């Protein structure tokens, strides 16, 4: 029997509800991410980020009904390209949202 690799998957905890934290690739598609260690997760998302341990089959089972088939292992923070000052002389504001996860090892779709 094949050994299932356990991933550290970021979640959001609200009261008694725990839900997967989903991300977006640079092209806008949603994806789920997993980290090979708790340390790798904390390094990118911060030490306060809640996580659960899941195998790839379980993560795919949770994301498939949402139409998500992209899984990324050990993503790296990828910021959008830096632009010059905004019109009117105001400094450009950083983009908000979740880190794109294309830089890490990428698992292929089923």
N, C-alpha and C. Protein backbone atom coordinates (compact mmCIF):
# COMPACT_ATOMS: atom_id res chain seq x y z
N UNK A 1 0.83 -1.18 0.00
CA UNK A 1 0.00 0.00 0.00
C UNK A 1 0.88 1.24 0.00
N UNK A 2 0.52 2.23 -0.80
CA UNK A 2 1.31 3.45 -0.90
C UNK A 2 1.19 4.28 0.38
N UNK A 3 2.28 4.88 0.75
CA UNK A 3 2.32 5.73 1.93
C UNK A 3 1.73 7.09 1.58
N UNK A 4 0.81 7.58 2.40
CA UNK A 4 0.21 8.89 2.18
C UNK A 4 1.07 9.95 2.88
N UNK A 5 1.50 10.94 2.13
CA UNK A 5 2.28 12.03 2.69
C UNK A 5 1.32 13.02 3.37
N UNK A 6 1.65 13.40 4.59
CA UNK A 6 0.80 14.33 5.33
C UNK A 6 1.26 15.75 5.07
N UNK A 7 0.30 16.61 4.75
CA UNK A 7 0.57 18.03 4.52
C UNK A 7 0.02 18.85 5.68
N UNK A 8 0.63 19.97 5.92
CA UNK A 8 0.14 20.95 6.89
C UNK A 8 -0.64 21.97 6.05
N UNK A 9 -1.96 21.99 6.23
CA UNK A 9 -2.85 22.78 5.38
C UNK A 9 -3.43 23.94 6.19
N UNK A 10 -3.27 25.19 5.72
CA UNK A 10 -3.79 26.34 6.46
C UNK A 10 -5.32 26.34 6.48
N UNK A 11 -5.86 26.71 7.64
CA UNK A 11 -7.30 26.79 7.82
C UNK A 11 -7.64 28.10 8.52
N UNK A 12 -8.92 28.44 8.44
CA UNK A 12 -9.47 29.57 9.18
C UNK A 12 -10.40 29.01 10.23
N UNK A 13 -10.24 29.46 11.46
CA UNK A 13 -11.09 28.99 12.55
C UNK A 13 -11.95 30.17 13.01
N UNK A 14 -13.27 29.97 12.95
CA UNK A 14 -14.22 30.98 13.39
C UNK A 14 -15.18 30.31 14.36
N UNK A 15 -15.04 30.61 15.63
CA UNK A 15 -15.87 29.94 16.63
C UNK A 15 -15.59 28.45 16.62
N UNK A 16 -16.63 27.66 16.38
CA UNK A 16 -16.47 26.20 16.32
C UNK A 16 -16.34 25.69 14.89
N UNK A 17 -16.20 26.59 13.93
CA UNK A 17 -16.11 26.20 12.52
C UNK A 17 -14.67 26.32 12.03
N UNK A 18 -14.20 25.29 11.36
CA UNK A 18 -12.88 25.29 10.74
C UNK A 18 -13.07 25.11 9.24
N UNK A 19 -12.47 25.98 8.44
CA UNK A 19 -12.58 25.86 6.98
C UNK A 19 -11.21 26.01 6.34
N UNK A 20 -11.06 25.37 5.18
CA UNK A 20 -9.80 25.47 4.44
C UNK A 20 -9.55 26.91 4.03
N UNK A 21 -8.31 27.30 4.07
CA UNK A 21 -7.92 28.60 3.55
C UNK A 21 -7.48 28.37 2.11
N UNK A 22 -8.16 29.00 1.18
CA UNK A 22 -7.86 28.83 -0.24
C UNK A 22 -7.09 30.03 -0.76
N UNK A 23 -6.36 29.83 -1.83
CA UNK A 23 -5.51 30.86 -2.41
C UNK A 23 -5.82 30.99 -3.89
N UNK A 24 -5.15 31.92 -4.55
CA UNK A 24 -5.30 32.10 -5.99
C UNK A 24 -3.94 32.05 -6.66
N UNK A 25 -3.93 31.44 -7.83
CA UNK A 25 -2.73 31.45 -8.67
C UNK A 25 -2.66 32.81 -9.35
N UNK A 26 -1.54 33.12 -9.97
CA UNK A 26 -1.39 34.42 -10.64
C UNK A 26 -2.45 34.65 -11.71
N UNK A 27 -2.93 33.57 -12.34
CA UNK A 27 -3.94 33.73 -13.39
C UNK A 27 -5.36 33.81 -12.82
N UNK A 28 -5.49 33.82 -11.49
CA UNK A 28 -6.79 34.02 -10.87
C UNK A 28 -7.51 32.75 -10.45
N UNK A 29 -7.04 31.59 -10.90
CA UNK A 29 -7.69 30.34 -10.51
C UNK A 29 -7.44 30.06 -9.04
N UNK A 30 -8.45 29.47 -8.39
CA UNK A 30 -8.31 29.11 -6.98
C UNK A 30 -7.50 27.83 -6.84
N UNK A 31 -6.80 27.74 -5.72
CA UNK A 31 -6.02 26.54 -5.44
C UNK A 31 -5.98 26.31 -3.93
N UNK A 32 -5.65 25.11 -3.56
CA UNK A 32 -5.39 24.77 -2.17
C UNK A 32 -3.89 24.59 -2.02
N UNK A 33 -3.38 24.86 -0.84
CA UNK A 33 -1.95 24.71 -0.61
C UNK A 33 -1.70 23.78 0.58
N UNK A 34 -0.55 23.17 0.56
CA UNK A 34 -0.10 22.34 1.66
C UNK A 34 1.38 22.60 1.87
N UNK A 35 1.83 22.37 3.08
CA UNK A 35 3.24 22.59 3.41
C UNK A 35 3.82 21.29 3.94
N UNK A 36 5.07 21.04 3.61
CA UNK A 36 5.73 19.80 4.02
C UNK A 36 6.06 19.79 5.51
N UNK A 37 6.04 20.96 6.15
CA UNK A 37 6.30 21.03 7.58
C UNK A 37 5.55 22.20 8.19
N UNK A 38 5.34 22.12 9.49
CA UNK A 38 4.69 23.23 10.21
C UNK A 38 5.58 24.47 10.13
N UNK A 39 6.90 24.26 10.14
CA UNK A 39 7.83 25.39 10.06
C UNK A 39 7.73 26.14 8.74
N UNK A 40 7.57 25.40 7.64
CA UNK A 40 7.44 26.03 6.32
C UNK A 40 6.14 26.85 6.26
N UNK A 41 5.08 26.32 6.85
CA UNK A 41 3.81 27.05 6.88
C UNK A 41 3.97 28.34 7.69
N UNK A 42 4.56 28.24 8.87
CA UNK A 42 4.74 29.41 9.74
C UNK A 42 5.65 30.46 9.11
N UNK A 43 6.65 30.01 8.37
CA UNK A 43 7.58 30.94 7.73
C UNK A 43 6.88 31.82 6.70
N UNK A 44 5.94 31.25 5.96
CA UNK A 44 5.25 32.01 4.92
C UNK A 44 4.01 32.74 5.44
N UNK A 45 3.22 32.07 6.27
CA UNK A 45 1.93 32.63 6.68
C UNK A 45 1.93 33.17 8.11
N UNK A 46 3.01 32.97 8.84
CA UNK A 46 3.11 33.48 10.20
C UNK A 46 2.85 32.40 11.23
N UNK A 47 3.42 32.57 12.41
CA UNK A 47 3.31 31.54 13.45
C UNK A 47 1.90 31.38 14.01
N UNK A 48 1.03 32.35 13.82
CA UNK A 48 -0.32 32.28 14.35
C UNK A 48 -1.30 31.58 13.39
N UNK A 49 -0.84 31.22 12.19
CA UNK A 49 -1.72 30.59 11.21
C UNK A 49 -2.13 29.20 11.69
N UNK A 50 -3.44 28.99 11.79
CA UNK A 50 -3.95 27.67 12.17
C UNK A 50 -3.80 26.71 10.99
N UNK A 51 -3.63 25.43 11.30
CA UNK A 51 -3.45 24.43 10.24
C UNK A 51 -3.98 23.08 10.72
N UNK A 52 -4.29 22.24 9.75
CA UNK A 52 -4.65 20.85 10.02
C UNK A 52 -3.71 19.98 9.19
N UNK A 53 -3.60 18.72 9.58
CA UNK A 53 -2.78 17.78 8.83
C UNK A 53 -3.70 16.92 7.97
N UNK A 54 -3.45 16.93 6.66
CA UNK A 54 -4.26 16.17 5.70
C UNK A 54 -3.35 15.49 4.69
N UNK A 55 -3.78 14.34 4.20
CA UNK A 55 -3.12 13.71 3.07
C UNK A 55 -3.68 14.30 1.79
N UNK A 56 -2.97 14.12 0.68
CA UNK A 56 -3.44 14.64 -0.61
C UNK A 56 -4.83 14.12 -0.98
N UNK A 57 -5.14 12.84 -0.79
CA UNK A 57 -6.48 12.37 -1.16
C UNK A 57 -7.58 13.10 -0.38
N UNK A 58 -7.35 13.36 0.90
CA UNK A 58 -8.35 14.07 1.71
C UNK A 58 -8.50 15.51 1.24
N UNK A 59 -7.38 16.18 0.94
CA UNK A 59 -7.44 17.56 0.47
C UNK A 59 -8.17 17.64 -0.87
N UNK A 60 -7.88 16.70 -1.76
CA UNK A 60 -8.59 16.68 -3.05
C UNK A 60 -10.08 16.44 -2.86
N UNK A 61 -10.43 15.56 -1.93
CA UNK A 61 -11.85 15.27 -1.66
C UNK A 61 -12.57 16.51 -1.13
N UNK A 62 -11.89 17.32 -0.35
CA UNK A 62 -12.50 18.53 0.19
C UNK A 62 -12.63 19.65 -0.84
N UNK A 63 -11.68 19.73 -1.78
CA UNK A 63 -11.69 20.83 -2.74
C UNK A 63 -12.43 20.52 -4.04
N UNK A 64 -12.57 19.24 -4.38
CA UNK A 64 -13.23 18.86 -5.64
C UNK A 64 -14.65 19.42 -5.77
N UNK A 65 -15.50 19.35 -4.72
CA UNK A 65 -16.85 19.90 -4.86
C UNK A 65 -16.87 21.41 -5.11
N UNK A 66 -15.77 22.08 -4.81
CA UNK A 66 -15.67 23.52 -5.03
C UNK A 66 -15.12 23.84 -6.42
N UNK A 67 -14.82 22.82 -7.19
CA UNK A 67 -14.26 23.01 -8.53
C UNK A 67 -12.78 23.33 -8.52
N UNK A 68 -12.10 23.01 -7.44
CA UNK A 68 -10.67 23.30 -7.31
C UNK A 68 -9.89 22.01 -7.53
N UNK A 69 -9.05 22.01 -8.56
CA UNK A 69 -8.23 20.82 -8.81
C UNK A 69 -6.74 21.14 -8.81
N UNK A 70 -6.38 22.35 -8.44
CA UNK A 70 -4.98 22.74 -8.34
C UNK A 70 -4.53 22.66 -6.89
N UNK A 71 -3.49 21.87 -6.63
CA UNK A 71 -2.89 21.78 -5.31
C UNK A 71 -1.44 22.21 -5.44
N UNK A 72 -0.98 23.01 -4.50
CA UNK A 72 0.40 23.49 -4.54
C UNK A 72 1.07 23.12 -3.23
N UNK A 73 2.23 22.48 -3.32
CA UNK A 73 3.00 22.10 -2.14
C UNK A 73 4.13 23.10 -1.93
N UNK A 74 4.26 23.58 -0.70
CA UNK A 74 5.30 24.52 -0.31
C UNK A 74 5.37 25.75 -1.23
N UNK A 75 4.29 26.53 -1.29
CA UNK A 75 4.31 27.74 -2.12
C UNK A 75 5.26 28.79 -1.54
N UNK A 76 5.62 29.71 -2.37
CA UNK A 76 6.43 30.86 -1.95
C UNK A 76 5.61 32.10 -2.25
N UNK A 77 5.83 33.13 -1.46
CA UNK A 77 5.12 34.39 -1.68
C UNK A 77 5.55 34.98 -3.01
N UNK A 78 4.59 35.31 -3.85
CA UNK A 78 4.87 35.92 -5.14
C UNK A 78 4.04 37.21 -5.20
N UNK A 79 4.71 38.32 -5.21
CA UNK A 79 4.02 39.60 -5.25
C UNK A 79 3.79 40.02 -6.70
N UNK A 80 2.75 40.83 -6.94
CA UNK A 80 2.54 41.32 -8.30
C UNK A 80 3.68 42.25 -8.70
N UNK A 81 3.89 42.45 -10.01
CA UNK A 81 4.95 43.36 -10.45
C UNK A 81 4.79 44.74 -9.83
N UNK A 82 5.90 45.34 -9.49
CA UNK A 82 5.88 46.68 -8.89
C UNK A 82 5.71 47.70 -10.00
N UNK A 83 4.78 48.63 -9.81
CA UNK A 83 4.57 49.68 -10.80
C UNK A 83 5.10 51.00 -10.23
N UNK A 84 5.20 51.99 -11.09
CA UNK A 84 5.65 53.30 -10.67
C UNK A 84 4.61 53.99 -9.81
N UNK A 85 4.88 55.23 -9.41
CA UNK A 85 3.92 55.98 -8.59
C UNK A 85 2.56 56.09 -9.30
N UNK A 86 1.50 56.02 -8.51
CA UNK A 86 0.15 56.14 -9.05
C UNK A 86 -0.08 57.56 -9.55
N UNK A 87 -1.08 57.71 -10.41
CA UNK A 87 -1.41 59.03 -10.95
C UNK A 87 -1.65 60.01 -9.81
N UNK A 88 -1.23 61.23 -9.97
CA UNK A 88 -1.43 62.23 -8.95
C UNK A 88 -0.31 62.26 -7.93
N UNK A 89 0.73 61.48 -8.15
CA UNK A 89 1.89 61.53 -7.27
C UNK A 89 1.78 60.67 -6.03
N UNK A 90 0.65 60.00 -5.82
CA UNK A 90 0.51 59.16 -4.63
C UNK A 90 1.35 57.90 -4.82
N UNK A 91 1.87 57.40 -3.73
CA UNK A 91 2.66 56.17 -3.80
C UNK A 91 1.76 55.00 -4.16
N UNK A 92 2.30 54.07 -4.90
CA UNK A 92 1.53 52.88 -5.28
C UNK A 92 1.24 52.07 -4.02
N UNK A 93 0.01 51.57 -3.92
CA UNK A 93 -0.38 50.77 -2.77
C UNK A 93 -0.10 49.31 -3.06
N UNK A 94 0.34 48.57 -2.05
CA UNK A 94 0.57 47.14 -2.29
C UNK A 94 -0.74 46.42 -2.52
N UNK A 95 -0.68 45.37 -3.32
CA UNK A 95 -1.87 44.56 -3.58
C UNK A 95 -2.25 43.83 -2.30
N UNK A 96 -3.55 43.60 -2.12
CA UNK A 96 -4.01 42.85 -0.96
C UNK A 96 -4.48 41.50 -1.41
N UNK A 97 -4.70 40.62 -0.49
CA UNK A 97 -5.20 39.29 -0.83
C UNK A 97 -4.22 38.22 -0.44
N UNK A 98 -4.42 37.07 -0.98
CA UNK A 98 -3.62 35.91 -0.63
C UNK A 98 -2.40 35.81 -1.54
N UNK A 99 -1.33 35.22 -1.02
CA UNK A 99 -0.15 35.05 -1.87
C UNK A 99 -0.44 34.08 -3.01
N UNK A 100 0.08 34.40 -4.16
CA UNK A 100 -0.01 33.46 -5.28
C UNK A 100 0.92 32.30 -4.97
N UNK A 101 0.56 31.15 -5.43
CA UNK A 101 1.30 29.97 -4.99
C UNK A 101 1.98 29.23 -6.12
N UNK A 102 2.38 29.89 -7.16
CA UNK A 102 2.97 29.24 -8.33
C UNK A 102 4.43 28.86 -8.12
N UNK A 103 5.15 29.52 -7.21
CA UNK A 103 6.58 29.30 -7.11
C UNK A 103 6.97 27.98 -6.46
N UNK A 104 6.10 27.39 -5.67
CA UNK A 104 6.42 26.15 -4.99
C UNK A 104 6.31 24.95 -5.91
N UNK A 105 6.59 23.79 -5.37
CA UNK A 105 6.42 22.56 -6.14
C UNK A 105 4.95 22.43 -6.47
N UNK A 106 4.62 22.14 -7.69
CA UNK A 106 3.24 22.14 -8.14
C UNK A 106 2.80 20.74 -8.50
N UNK A 107 1.69 20.30 -7.95
CA UNK A 107 1.16 19.00 -8.28
C UNK A 107 0.27 19.12 -9.51
N UNK A 108 0.30 18.14 -10.34
CA UNK A 108 -0.50 18.16 -11.56
C UNK A 108 -1.95 17.83 -11.26
N UNK A 109 -2.83 18.29 -12.13
CA UNK A 109 -4.24 17.94 -12.01
C UNK A 109 -4.39 16.45 -12.21
N UNK A 110 -5.49 15.93 -11.69
CA UNK A 110 -5.76 14.50 -11.88
C UNK A 110 -6.03 14.21 -13.31
